[in-house]
Protein backbone atom coordinates (compact mmCIF):
# COMPACT_ATOMS: atom_id res chain seq x y z
CA UNK A 1 0.00 0.00 0.00
CA UNK A 2 1.32 3.44 -0.89
CA UNK A 3 1.64 5.59 2.24
CA UNK A 4 0.37 8.81 0.67
CA UNK A 5 -2.94 7.31 -0.57
CA UNK A 6 -6.06 9.18 0.49
CA UNK A 7 -9.09 7.52 2.10
CA UNK A 8 -10.99 6.75 -1.12
CA UNK A 9 -7.87 5.46 -2.92
CA UNK A 10 -7.25 3.06 -0.04
CA UNK A 11 -10.83 1.75 -0.32
CA UNK A 12 -10.49 1.33 -4.10
CA UNK A 13 -7.18 -0.49 -3.68
CA UNK A 14 -8.56 -2.89 -1.07
CA UNK A 15 -11.67 -3.56 -3.12
CA UNK A 16 -10.15 -4.42 -6.52
CA UNK A 17 -6.83 -6.06 -5.61
CA UNK A 18 -7.54 -9.50 -7.14
CA UNK A 19 -7.92 -11.45 -10.43
CA UNK A 20 -11.26 -12.71 -11.76
CA UNK A 21 -11.74 -16.08 -13.52
CA UNK A 22 -14.68 -17.24 -15.66
CA UNK A 23 -15.52 -20.02 -13.20
CA UNK A 24 -15.58 -17.60 -10.28
CA UNK A 25 -17.80 -15.24 -12.24
CA UNK A 26 -20.28 -18.01 -13.10
CA UNK A 27 -20.30 -19.19 -9.50
CA UNK A 28 -20.97 -15.61 -8.37
CA UNK A 29 -24.01 -15.21 -10.63
CA UNK A 30 -25.33 -18.69 -9.75
CA UNK A 31 -25.28 -17.96 -6.00
CA UNK A 32 -26.78 -14.51 -6.59
CA UNK A 33 -29.61 -15.94 -8.72
CA UNK A 34 -30.33 -18.67 -6.18
CA UNK A 35 -30.47 -16.04 -3.40
CA UNK A 36 -32.93 -13.94 -5.43
CA UNK A 37 -35.26 -16.93 -5.88
CA UNK A 38 -35.07 -17.82 -2.17
CA UNK A 39 -35.76 -14.20 -1.20
CA UNK A 40 -38.77 -14.07 -3.54
CA UNK A 41 -40.25 -17.23 -2.00
CA UNK A 42 -39.71 -15.82 1.49
CA UNK A 43 -41.41 -12.52 0.61
CA UNK A 44 -44.46 -14.38 -0.77
CA UNK A 45 -44.76 -16.34 2.47
CA UNK A 46 -44.28 -13.18 4.55
CA UNK A 47 -46.90 -11.26 2.56
CA UNK A 48 -49.49 -13.99 3.17
CA UNK A 49 -48.65 -14.11 6.89
CA UNK A 50 -48.99 -10.35 7.41
CA UNK A 51 -51.98 -9.55 5.19
CA UNK A 52 -54.54 -10.00 8.00
CA UNK A 53 -52.42 -8.40 10.73
CA UNK A 54 -51.21 -5.06 9.38
CA UNK A 55 -52.15 -2.73 6.54
CA UNK A 56 -50.98 -3.33 2.99
CA UNK A 57 -48.69 -0.29 3.03
CA UNK A 58 -46.88 -1.53 6.13
CA UNK A 59 -46.63 -5.07 4.75
CA UNK A 60 -45.06 -3.90 1.51
CA UNK A 61 -42.62 -1.62 3.32
CA UNK A 62 -41.50 -4.42 5.63
CA UNK A 63 -41.13 -6.88 2.75
CA UNK A 64 -39.09 -4.44 0.66
CA UNK A 65 -36.82 -3.58 3.58
CA UNK A 66 -36.18 -7.24 4.42
CA UNK A 67 -35.75 -8.21 0.76
CA UNK A 68 -33.23 -5.55 -0.16
CA UNK A 69 -31.47 -5.88 3.19
CA UNK A 70 -31.04 -9.64 2.70
CA UNK A 71 -29.89 -9.20 -0.88
CA UNK A 72 -27.39 -6.58 0.23
CA UNK A 73 -25.92 -8.96 2.81
CA UNK A 74 -25.73 -11.80 0.25
CA UNK A 75 -24.14 -9.56 -2.37
CA UNK A 76 -21.43 -8.38 -0.01
CA UNK A 77 -20.83 -11.93 1.24
CA UNK A 78 -20.19 -13.37 -2.24
CA UNK A 79 -17.95 -10.56 -3.48
CA UNK A 80 -14.79 -12.63 -2.68
CA UNK A 81 -15.95 -15.15 -5.33
CA UNK A 82 -15.04 -12.64 -8.05
CA UNK A 83 -11.92 -11.44 -6.27
CA UNK A 84 -13.35 -8.35 -4.60
CA UNK A 85 -12.54 -7.57 -0.99
CA UNK A 86 -15.74 -6.31 0.75
CA UNK A 87 -13.86 -4.77 3.66
CA UNK A 88 -13.38 -1.54 1.75
CA UNK A 89 -17.08 -1.29 0.95
CA UNK A 90 -17.96 -2.11 4.55
CA UNK A 91 -15.62 0.59 5.77
CA UNK A 92 -17.15 3.19 3.45
CA UNK A 93 -20.66 2.01 4.34
CA UNK A 94 -19.88 2.22 8.03
CA UNK A 95 -18.68 5.80 7.73
CA UNK A 96 -21.73 6.74 5.66
CA UNK A 97 -24.00 4.96 8.13
CA UNK A 98 -22.58 6.93 11.05
CA UNK A 99 -23.07 10.23 9.21
CA UNK A 100 -26.63 9.35 8.17
CA UNK A 101 -27.43 8.05 11.67
CA UNK A 102 -26.47 11.32 13.33
CA UNK A 103 -28.40 13.29 10.73
CA UNK A 104 -31.61 11.27 11.11
CA UNK A 105 -31.81 10.08 14.71
CA UNK A 106 -35.55 10.76 15.00
CA UNK A 107 -36.35 8.95 11.76
CA UNK A 108 -34.31 5.91 12.80
CA UNK A 109 -35.98 5.93 16.23
CA UNK A 110 -39.44 6.02 14.64
CA UNK A 111 -38.43 3.26 12.21
CA UNK A 112 -37.19 0.95 14.98
CA UNK A 113 -40.26 1.72 17.11
CA UNK A 114 -42.47 0.88 14.13
CA UNK A 115 -40.91 -2.58 13.88
CA UNK A 116 -41.37 -3.17 17.61
CA UNK A 117 -45.02 -2.11 17.34
CA UNK A 118 -45.53 -4.68 14.58
CA UNK A 119 -43.83 -7.42 16.61
CA UNK A 120 -45.46 -6.69 19.98
CA UNK A 121 -48.80 -5.56 18.47
CA UNK A 122 -50.27 -3.65 21.45
CA UNK A 123 -52.67 -2.02 18.98
CA UNK A 124 -54.20 -3.01 15.65
CA UNK A 125 -55.92 -1.15 12.85
CA UNK A 126 -59.50 -0.41 13.91
CA UNK A 127 -58.80 -0.47 17.66
CA UNK A 128 -60.06 2.33 19.89
CA UNK A 129 -57.05 3.70 21.74
CA UNK A 130 -55.79 6.56 23.85
CA UNK A 131 -52.18 7.54 23.16
CA UNK A 132 -50.52 10.54 24.77
CA UNK A 133 -53.87 12.25 25.40
CA UNK A 134 -55.23 11.50 21.90
CA UNK A 135 -58.28 9.21 21.73
CA UNK A 136 -59.84 7.62 18.66
CA UNK A 137 -59.63 4.77 16.15
CA UNK A 138 -56.32 3.45 14.78
CA UNK A 139 -56.55 4.27 11.08
CA UNK A 140 -53.14 2.99 9.96
CA UNK A 141 -49.81 1.78 11.38
CA UNK A 142 -46.95 2.82 9.15
CA UNK A 143 -43.20 2.37 9.34
CA UNK A 144 -42.56 5.89 10.69
CA UNK A 145 -45.88 6.93 12.21
CA UNK A 146 -49.32 5.80 13.36
CA UNK A 147 -52.53 7.49 12.21
CA UNK A 148 -55.38 7.91 14.70
CA UNK A 149 -58.84 9.15 13.68
CA UNK A 150 -60.31 10.97 16.66
CA UNK A 151 -63.96 10.71 17.68
CA UNK A 152 -64.43 14.18 16.17
CA UNK A 153 -63.25 12.91 12.78
CA UNK A 154 -59.79 14.50 12.88
CA UNK A 155 -56.82 12.52 11.53
CA UNK A 156 -53.82 12.75 13.88
CA UNK A 157 -50.34 11.53 12.92
CA UNK A 158 -48.32 10.29 15.91
CA UNK A 159 -44.60 9.37 15.49
CA UNK A 160 -44.04 5.68 16.27
CA UNK A 161 -41.32 6.46 18.80
CA UNK A 162 -43.86 8.49 20.78
CA UNK A 163 -46.45 5.70 20.51
CA UNK A 164 -44.04 2.98 21.64
CA UNK A 165 -42.49 4.87 24.57
CA UNK A 166 -45.71 6.22 26.13
CA UNK A 167 -48.62 4.52 27.85
CA UNK A 168 -51.11 3.05 25.40
CA UNK A 169 -54.69 2.46 26.52
CA UNK A 170 -56.42 0.00 24.19
CA UNK A 171 -60.13 0.45 24.86
CA UNK A 172 -61.06 -2.71 22.95
CA UNK A 173 -58.02 -4.83 23.70
CA UNK A 174 -60.02 -6.99 26.13
CA UNK A 175 -63.22 -8.69 24.91
CA UNK A 176 -65.35 -7.30 27.77
CA UNK A 177 -65.48 -3.90 29.44
CA UNK A 178 -67.30 -2.48 32.46
CA UNK A 179 -69.30 0.72 32.70
CA UNK A 180 -70.50 2.40 35.88
CA UNK A 181 -72.78 5.23 36.87
CA UNK A 182 -74.41 6.60 40.00
CA UNK A 183 -78.20 6.89 40.32
CA UNK A 184 -79.48 9.21 43.05
CA UNK A 185 -82.93 8.79 44.62
CA UNK A 186 -84.79 10.73 47.30
CA UNK A 187 -84.41 9.81 50.98
CA UNK A 188 -88.16 9.24 51.12
CA UNK A 189 -88.00 6.62 48.34
CA UNK A 190 -87.53 2.87 48.90
CA UNK A 191 -83.88 2.08 48.07
CA UNK A 192 -84.47 -1.68 48.12
CA UNK A 193 -87.23 -1.32 45.54
CA UNK A 194 -85.02 0.89 43.37
CA UNK A 195 -82.24 -1.71 43.50
CA UNK A 196 -84.69 -4.49 42.61
CA UNK A 197 -86.00 -2.56 39.59
CA UNK A 198 -82.49 -1.75 38.33
CA UNK A 199 -81.38 -5.40 38.64
CA UNK A 200 -84.52 -6.50 36.79
CA UNK A 201 -83.75 -4.10 33.93
CA UNK A 202 -80.15 -5.33 33.71
CA UNK A 203 -81.25 -8.98 33.67
CA UNK A 204 -83.53 -8.23 30.71
CA UNK A 205 -80.61 -6.97 28.61
CA UNK A 206 -79.13 -9.79 26.47
CA UNK A 207 -75.72 -8.10 26.23
CA UNK A 208 -75.37 -7.42 29.97
CA UNK A 209 -72.99 -10.15 31.10
CA UNK A 210 -73.73 -12.34 34.10
CA UNK A 211 -70.10 -13.41 34.41
CA UNK A 212 -68.58 -11.13 35.62
CA UNK A 213 -71.88 -10.43 37.33
CA UNK A 214 -73.40 -6.92 37.54
CA UNK A 215 -73.58 -5.19 40.92
CA UNK A 216 -76.14 -2.68 42.21
CA UNK A 217 -75.78 -1.28 45.73
CA UNK A 218 -76.15 1.84 47.88
CA UNK A 219 -72.75 3.48 47.72
CA UNK A 220 -73.23 6.83 49.47
CA UNK A 221 -75.67 8.88 51.51
CA UNK A 222 -75.29 12.22 49.81
CA UNK A 223 -76.43 15.69 50.80
CA UNK A 224 -79.55 15.53 48.64
CA UNK A 225 -79.92 11.88 47.65
CA UNK A 226 -79.23 8.24 48.37
CA UNK A 227 -76.65 7.30 45.72
CA UNK A 228 -76.87 3.85 44.13
CA UNK A 229 -73.87 2.53 42.18
CA UNK A 230 -74.59 0.48 39.07
CA UNK A 231 -71.78 -1.59 37.55
CA UNK A 232 -72.32 -3.71 34.45
CA UNK A 233 -69.96 -5.71 32.20
CA UNK A 234 -70.60 -5.87 28.47
CA UNK A 235 -68.86 -7.01 25.25
CA UNK A 236 -66.70 -4.21 23.88
CA UNK A 237 -68.71 -4.17 20.66
CA UNK A 238 -71.92 -3.41 22.59
CA UNK A 239 -70.44 -1.39 25.46
CA UNK A 240 -71.41 2.15 24.41
CA UNK A 241 -74.93 1.32 23.17
CA UNK A 242 -75.71 -0.71 26.28
CA UNK A 243 -74.38 1.97 28.61
CA UNK A 244 -76.55 4.73 27.14
CA UNK A 245 -79.63 2.51 26.76
CA UNK A 246 -79.68 1.14 30.32
CA UNK A 247 -79.19 4.56 31.90
CA UNK A 248 -82.22 6.03 30.11
CA UNK A 249 -84.32 2.92 30.82
CA UNK A 250 -83.48 3.12 34.54
CA UNK A 251 -84.58 6.77 34.68
CA UNK A 252 -87.95 6.09 33.03
CA UNK A 253 -88.67 2.93 35.05
CA UNK A 254 -87.90 4.57 38.39
CA UNK A 255 -90.13 7.52 37.58
CA UNK A 256 -92.97 5.19 36.51
CA UNK A 257 -92.75 3.55 39.94
CA UNK A 258 -92.77 6.82 41.85
CA UNK A 259 -89.04 6.92 42.53
CA UNK A 260 -87.55 10.23 41.46
CA UNK A 261 -84.10 11.67 41.03
CA UNK A 262 -84.03 14.61 43.49
CA UNK A 263 -82.94 18.14 42.73
CA UNK A 264 -80.36 19.80 44.96
CA UNK A 265 -82.07 21.27 48.01
CA UNK A 266 -81.08 23.97 50.46
CA UNK A 267 -82.68 24.80 53.81
CA UNK A 268 -82.51 28.47 54.80
CA UNK A 269 -83.15 29.86 58.28
CA UNK A 270 -84.10 33.55 58.56
CA UNK A 271 -83.90 35.57 61.74
CA UNK A 272 -85.33 39.03 62.35
CA UNK A 273 -88.63 40.73 61.67
CA UNK A 274 -91.10 39.36 59.13
CA UNK A 275 -90.67 42.37 56.85
CA UNK A 276 -86.99 41.68 56.47
CA UNK A 277 -87.67 37.98 55.92
CA UNK A 278 -90.09 38.77 53.10
CA UNK A 279 -87.49 41.01 51.45
CA UNK A 280 -84.89 38.23 51.62
CA UNK A 281 -87.32 35.72 50.12
CA UNK A 282 -88.19 38.10 47.28
CA UNK A 283 -84.48 38.64 46.54
CA UNK A 284 -83.82 34.90 46.41
CA UNK A 285 -86.81 34.35 44.12
CA UNK A 286 -85.63 37.13 41.83
CA UNK A 287 -82.14 35.60 41.66
CA UNK A 288 -83.51 32.14 40.87
CA UNK A 289 -85.74 33.50 38.10
CA UNK A 290 -82.85 35.48 36.68
């Protein structure tokens, strides 16, 4: 090696310092062709395996990355067959990789996080999720980012690194989900009868699960009402409809049986002459009407 060679001349020297024979050239192309066929078969198998798990865009991106990555490794590995030393190319590629890595740290982080999301699969397309304060439906999972369609219809792009490193709440990840609300009744009403009516309504609902069983009980003696807690489990596909339907049915049924939801009440005590009391009452009535 000549001492005054520059960096690129050294790489060129180390790469081409060999003779090439016809046999070595044929062997090189045979191995390369065989590797291409094997890679094609593997990509077909991979495409069929991923078609029901991730979106088509993600599948194609993964397949292309694996295909060209594998072919690149094979190509570099068989370079000695035609007398080429791959160490020079690896050295140049390593330097270029370091430069590109520093220039695109966020992109690489999102790319790696995207692969981990596909492997771990904490969320899938169509799931209802909450990620970093953003709630909605998973519209797409891409290599660099994840798209979430909010309940208001907005499309939000979240970088995969942010998705993977923060808490993810999958609202439909479990097949069943519980809802709960508090029903307040008057102190003069029969709480046992109210509980019986609510349980009867829940038992009539075909999507209200009995295992885990629902629970209805007096939870609190409030300032203006006796508060009854209602907890019901339902399939995630029926959770929202059942929650809204049962609540309205409970209200109507309790009212039909003379059990009412009380309004906030306040007891006022007035001291002084009757004239002053009347003035205070008139002021309070005026404020309430206003």
